[in-house]
Protein backbone atom coordinates (compact mmCIF):
# COMPACT_ATOMS: atom_id res chain seq x y z
CA UNK A 1 121.43 51.06 -1.05
CA UNK A 2 123.95 54.08 -1.62
CA UNK A 3 126.57 54.35 -4.42
CA UNK A 4 129.38 53.93 -2.08
CA UNK A 5 127.93 50.51 -0.72
CA UNK A 6 127.13 49.40 -4.15
CA UNK A 7 130.70 50.23 -5.21
CA UNK A 8 132.16 48.39 -2.25
CA UNK A 9 129.96 45.34 -3.03
CA UNK A 10 131.13 45.39 -6.89
CA UNK A 11 134.76 45.65 -5.63
CA UNK A 12 134.12 42.55 -3.33
CA UNK A 13 132.79 40.46 -6.30
CA UNK A 14 135.52 41.29 -8.42
CA UNK A 15 138.02 40.13 -5.84
CA UNK A 16 135.85 37.04 -5.45
CA UNK A 17 135.91 36.47 -9.15
CA UNK A 18 139.66 36.83 -9.63
CA UNK A 19 140.15 34.00 -6.84
CA UNK A 20 137.58 31.93 -8.28
CA UNK A 21 139.45 32.35 -11.92
CA UNK A 22 142.64 31.06 -10.25
CA UNK A 23 141.08 28.31 -8.40
CA UNK A 24 138.71 27.05 -11.26
CA UNK A 25 140.08 24.17 -13.19
CA UNK A 26 138.22 21.90 -15.69
CA UNK A 27 139.45 18.72 -17.39
CA UNK A 28 138.63 17.66 -20.96
CA UNK A 29 139.63 13.99 -22.43
CA UNK A 30 139.19 13.02 -25.95
CA UNK A 31 140.09 10.16 -28.07
CA UNK A 32 138.53 7.60 -25.71
CA UNK A 33 140.97 8.82 -23.07
CA UNK A 34 144.00 9.12 -25.24
CA UNK A 35 144.39 12.68 -24.38
CA UNK A 36 143.38 14.91 -21.53
CA UNK A 37 144.19 18.35 -20.49
CA UNK A 38 143.35 20.83 -17.54
CA UNK A 39 143.08 24.58 -17.64
CA UNK A 40 142.32 27.09 -15.11
CA UNK A 41 139.87 30.02 -15.16
CA UNK A 42 142.41 32.41 -16.81
CA UNK A 43 142.47 29.68 -19.58
CA UNK A 44 146.03 28.79 -18.90
CA UNK A 45 146.83 25.25 -19.99
CA UNK A 46 147.89 23.48 -16.61
CA UNK A 47 148.52 20.10 -17.89
CA UNK A 48 148.58 17.71 -21.04
CA UNK A 49 148.41 13.70 -20.54
CA UNK A 50 148.97 11.56 -23.49
CA UNK A 51 148.53 7.96 -23.65
CA UNK A 52 151.43 6.28 -25.35
CA UNK A 53 149.10 4.46 -27.59
CA UNK A 54 148.14 8.05 -29.12
CA UNK A 55 151.71 8.32 -30.28
CA UNK A 56 152.17 6.96 -33.84
CA UNK A 57 155.30 8.03 -35.47
CA UNK A 58 153.43 7.35 -38.78
CA UNK A 59 150.53 9.76 -38.17
CA UNK A 60 151.71 12.70 -35.86
CA UNK A 61 148.69 14.67 -37.24
CA UNK A 62 146.29 12.58 -35.27
CA UNK A 63 148.18 13.37 -32.13
CA UNK A 64 148.06 17.05 -32.85
CA UNK A 65 144.44 17.08 -33.85
CA UNK A 66 143.63 15.21 -30.42
CA UNK A 67 145.55 17.76 -28.33
CA UNK A 68 143.87 20.62 -30.06
CA UNK A 69 140.57 18.87 -29.59
CA UNK A 70 141.19 18.53 -25.82
CA UNK A 71 142.46 22.05 -25.31
CA UNK A 72 139.26 23.50 -27.31
CA UNK A 73 137.00 21.33 -25.27
CA UNK A 74 138.53 22.36 -22.09
CA UNK A 75 138.15 26.05 -23.09
CA UNK A 76 134.39 25.49 -23.98
CA UNK A 77 133.82 23.97 -20.56
CA UNK A 78 135.64 26.72 -18.80
CA UNK A 79 133.52 29.23 -20.63
CA UNK A 80 130.36 27.48 -19.64
CA UNK A 81 131.48 27.32 -16.13
CA UNK A 82 132.33 30.95 -15.92
CA UNK A 83 129.13 32.03 -17.77
CA UNK A 84 127.06 29.96 -14.92
CA UNK A 85 129.14 31.68 -12.38
CA UNK A 86 129.02 35.17 -13.65
CA UNK A 87 125.15 34.86 -14.18
CA UNK A 88 124.71 33.78 -10.40
CA UNK A 89 126.88 36.86 -9.22
CA UNK A 90 125.49 39.20 -11.40
CA UNK A 91 121.92 38.38 -9.77
CA UNK A 92 123.35 39.24 -6.34
CA UNK A 93 123.59 42.93 -7.63
CA UNK A 94 120.33 44.68 -6.51
CA UNK A 95 118.74 46.94 -8.87
CA UNK A 96 120.99 46.14 -11.77
CA UNK A 97 119.69 42.72 -13.22
């Protein structure tokens, strides 16, 4: 494979990865379903759902902790998903991996 073909293939893979990042979505739920969130592959928070039972005016820190836990778990899941995706894409570049 010549260098020009290799560069073209790498560019196509980069474009595909950008599309995949935009389309990839993961959801994380914590607290037995009290809080859930969704993020995309750019790690942009898309939504947060809070069960009314999670809202305790006497303990706002609990809700804060649940939201943080849900976002952190979603980011961890997305990292795993992207690592898996990158590994499979890297394997398609002949002679490099």
